[in-house]
Amino acid sequence: MLNIVLHQPEIPANTGNIGRTCVATGTVLHLIEPLGFSLSEKQLKRAGMDYWHKLDVRLYINFADFLEKNAAAFAAGSRLWMATTKAHRIYTQASFGPDDYLMFGKESAGIPEEILVEYEKSCIRIPMLEEIRSLNLSNSAAIVLYEALRQNGFAGLQEEGQLHRLTWKE
């Protein structure tokens, strides 16, 4: 199962939106403290709507705690990808595994460079115009997550929809 990691997120609505996306895709959400909000905030729950109680969310006191508690997954072959505007490689050039971790930094500053320099080969970016600083955190997480899901055949996800009142014409 894929994993989204948020390093020190600041805006509850972004985390709520990401949480809802995680529920819809069977993805685990990992939150690395300090958080810029309380997990009981209304904005967080409102963005996650009525799905928040279904979310598999895990909390860590810092990045070292996250690495320690997920060491077995990394030893078993899961990779940690870091989404950053500073990366050399585009996210579509990465080969995502079904149990990989996709990490995103806080809205105001991204992932600290002290962490990035240790993971240069797993840093990925979303292309955008040069004069744009960054995309919204929840949009970025959805873009990269759905590429990882696509590469893994959307395993376990419903790929066809149905109309509620009418039927499709054949």
Protein backbone atom coordinates (compact mmCIF):
# COMPACT_ATOMS: atom_id res chain seq x y z
CA MET A 1 0.00 0.00 0.00
CA LEU A 2 1.29 3.44 -0.90
CA ASN A 3 2.07 6.04 1.74
CA ILE A 4 1.87 9.84 1.83
CA VAL A 5 4.24 11.53 4.26
CA LEU A 6 3.72 15.18 5.26
CA HIS A 7 6.71 16.79 6.93
CA GLN A 8 5.47 19.49 9.32
CA PRO A 9 2.29 20.49 7.45
CA GLU A 10 0.94 23.92 8.40
CA ILE A 11 -2.52 24.28 6.86
CA PRO A 12 -5.29 22.03 8.18
CA ALA A 13 -7.41 22.21 5.01
CA ASN A 14 -4.52 20.85 2.92
CA THR A 15 -3.97 17.96 5.31
CA GLY A 16 -7.72 17.30 5.37
CA ASN A 17 -7.87 17.20 1.56
CA ILE A 18 -4.87 14.89 1.44
CA GLY A 19 -6.47 12.69 4.10
CA ARG A 20 -9.60 12.37 1.98
CA THR A 21 -7.50 11.42 -1.05
CA CYS A 22 -5.72 8.83 1.09
CA VAL A 23 -9.04 7.30 2.17
CA ALA A 24 -10.24 7.18 -1.46
CA THR A 25 -7.08 5.37 -2.57
CA GLY A 26 -6.31 3.14 0.42
CA THR A 27 -3.16 5.14 1.14
CA VAL A 28 -1.66 5.58 4.62
CA LEU A 29 -1.08 9.17 5.78
CA HIS A 30 2.05 9.80 7.89
CA LEU A 31 2.34 13.16 9.70
CA ILE A 32 5.69 14.36 11.00
CA GLU A 33 5.50 16.95 13.79
CA PRO A 34 5.41 19.73 14.59
CA LEU A 35 2.05 20.28 12.91
CA GLY A 36 0.77 23.81 12.33
CA PHE A 37 -2.65 22.82 13.69
CA SER A 38 -4.41 20.43 16.03
CA LEU A 39 -5.71 17.12 14.68
CA SER A 40 -9.06 17.99 16.23
CA GLU A 41 -9.47 21.25 14.26
CA LYS A 42 -12.73 21.78 12.41
CA GLN A 43 -10.98 22.83 9.20
CA LEU A 44 -9.10 19.55 9.08
CA LYS A 45 -12.23 17.47 9.54
CA ARG A 46 -14.27 19.68 7.17
CA ALA A 47 -11.78 19.17 4.34
CA GLY A 48 -11.67 15.44 5.02
CA MET A 49 -15.46 15.49 5.27
CA ASP A 50 -17.08 12.41 6.69
CA TYR A 51 -14.18 10.18 5.66
CA TRP A 52 -11.66 11.22 8.34
CA HIS A 53 -12.62 8.37 10.70
CA LYS A 54 -11.69 5.88 7.94
CA LEU A 55 -8.19 7.32 7.52
CA ASP A 56 -5.11 5.33 8.55
CA VAL A 57 -3.07 8.22 9.94
CA ARG A 58 0.22 7.82 11.82
CA LEU A 59 2.00 10.51 13.81
CA TYR A 60 5.76 10.97 14.42
CA ILE A 61 7.61 13.40 16.66
CA ASN A 62 10.28 14.10 14.01
CA PHE A 63 11.87 12.75 10.82
CA ALA A 64 14.22 10.42 12.75
CA ASP A 65 11.20 8.90 14.52
CA PHE A 66 9.51 8.36 11.14
CA LEU A 67 12.60 6.61 9.74
CA GLU A 68 12.97 4.44 12.85
CA LYS A 69 9.33 3.35 12.93
CA ASN A 70 9.32 2.51 9.21
CA ALA A 71 12.79 0.93 9.06
CA ALA A 72 11.38 -2.55 8.38
CA ALA A 73 9.47 -1.31 5.32
CA PHE A 74 12.58 0.38 3.94
CA ALA A 75 14.67 -2.72 4.64
CA ALA A 76 12.06 -4.76 2.73
CA GLY A 77 12.46 -2.55 -0.35
CA SER A 78 10.01 0.32 0.07
CA ARG A 79 11.48 3.60 -1.12
CA LEU A 80 11.12 7.12 0.18
CA TRP A 81 10.49 9.66 -2.59
CA MET A 82 10.78 13.36 -1.79
CA ALA A 83 8.72 15.85 -3.77
CA THR A 84 10.57 19.15 -4.03
CA THR A 85 10.88 22.02 -6.48
CA LYS A 86 14.66 21.61 -6.12
CA ALA A 87 14.83 18.13 -7.69
CA HIS A 88 16.57 17.24 -10.95
CA ARG A 89 14.14 14.47 -11.88
CA ILE A 90 10.47 14.77 -12.89
CA TYR A 91 8.00 12.62 -10.95
CA THR A 92 6.98 10.71 -14.10
CA GLN A 93 10.59 9.52 -14.47
CA ALA A 94 10.43 7.70 -11.12
CA SER A 95 9.49 4.03 -10.90
CA PHE A 96 7.15 3.83 -7.94
CA GLY A 97 6.69 0.56 -6.09
CA PRO A 98 3.38 -0.49 -4.51
CA ASP A 99 4.63 0.15 -0.95
CA ASP A 100 6.64 3.32 -1.51
CA TYR A 101 6.45 6.50 0.56
CA LEU A 102 5.81 9.88 -1.10
CA MET A 103 7.00 12.73 1.10
CA PHE A 104 5.98 16.38 0.89
CA GLY A 105 7.19 19.33 2.95
CA LYS A 106 5.39 22.12 4.74
CA GLU A 107 3.59 24.73 2.70
CA SER A 108 5.90 27.65 3.53
CA ALA A 109 9.28 25.99 2.97
CA GLY A 110 9.03 22.43 1.64
CA ILE A 111 11.25 19.62 2.90
CA PRO A 112 14.34 20.98 4.71
CA GLU A 113 17.48 20.93 2.56
CA GLU A 114 19.29 19.08 5.37
CA ILE A 115 17.02 16.12 4.60
CA LEU A 116 16.99 16.56 0.81
CA VAL A 117 20.78 16.33 0.44
CA GLU A 118 20.68 12.83 1.94
CA TYR A 119 18.07 11.69 -0.63
CA GLU A 120 19.16 13.36 -3.88
CA LYS A 121 18.46 10.29 -6.04
CA SER A 122 14.90 9.99 -4.76
CA CYS A 123 13.99 13.67 -5.09
CA ILE A 124 11.30 14.34 -7.69
CA ARG A 125 9.56 17.45 -8.96
CA ILE A 126 6.38 18.45 -10.75
CA PRO A 127 7.16 20.62 -13.79
CA MET A 128 5.79 24.17 -13.74
CA LEU A 129 6.62 27.60 -15.09
CA GLU A 130 9.85 29.09 -13.77
CA GLU A 131 8.22 32.10 -12.12
CA ILE A 132 5.88 29.93 -10.04
CA ARG A 133 7.27 29.04 -6.60
CA SER A 134 5.19 25.92 -6.00
CA LEU A 135 1.81 24.23 -6.32
CA ASN A 136 -0.70 23.77 -3.52
CA LEU A 137 0.34 20.92 -1.21
CA SER A 138 -2.84 18.87 -1.61
CA ASN A 139 -2.70 19.23 -5.41
CA SER A 140 0.94 18.15 -5.47
CA ALA A 141 0.24 15.12 -3.30
CA ALA A 142 -2.66 14.07 -5.55
CA ILE A 143 -0.61 14.48 -8.74
CA VAL A 144 2.28 12.32 -7.54
CA LEU A 145 0.09 9.78 -5.76
CA TYR A 146 -2.04 9.14 -8.83
CA GLU A 147 1.06 8.65 -10.97
CA ALA A 148 2.30 6.07 -8.46
CA LEU A 149 -1.13 4.41 -8.50
CA ARG A 150 -1.17 4.42 -12.33
CA GLN A 151 2.26 2.80 -12.46
CA ASN A 152 0.97 0.08 -10.15
CA GLY A 153 -2.16 -0.61 -12.22
CA PHE A 154 -4.55 1.16 -9.82
CA ALA A 155 -4.43 -2.04 -7.74
CA GLY A 156 -7.57 -2.47 -5.67
CA LEU A 157 -9.27 0.68 -6.97
CA GLN A 158 -12.57 0.82 -8.80
CA GLU A 159 -11.84 1.85 -12.38
CA GLU A 160 -15.39 2.03 -13.77
CA GLY A 161 -18.24 4.21 -12.58
CA GLN A 162 -21.99 3.89 -12.91
CA LEU A 163 -24.77 6.40 -13.38
CA HIS A 164 -27.16 6.68 -10.45
CA ARG A 165 -30.51 7.17 -12.20
CA LEU A 166 -29.89 6.43 -15.87
CA THR A 167 -27.89 3.91 -17.88
CA TRP A 168 -25.17 4.52 -20.44
CA LYS A 169 -26.20 4.22 -24.09
CA GLU A 170 -24.42 1.35 -25.79
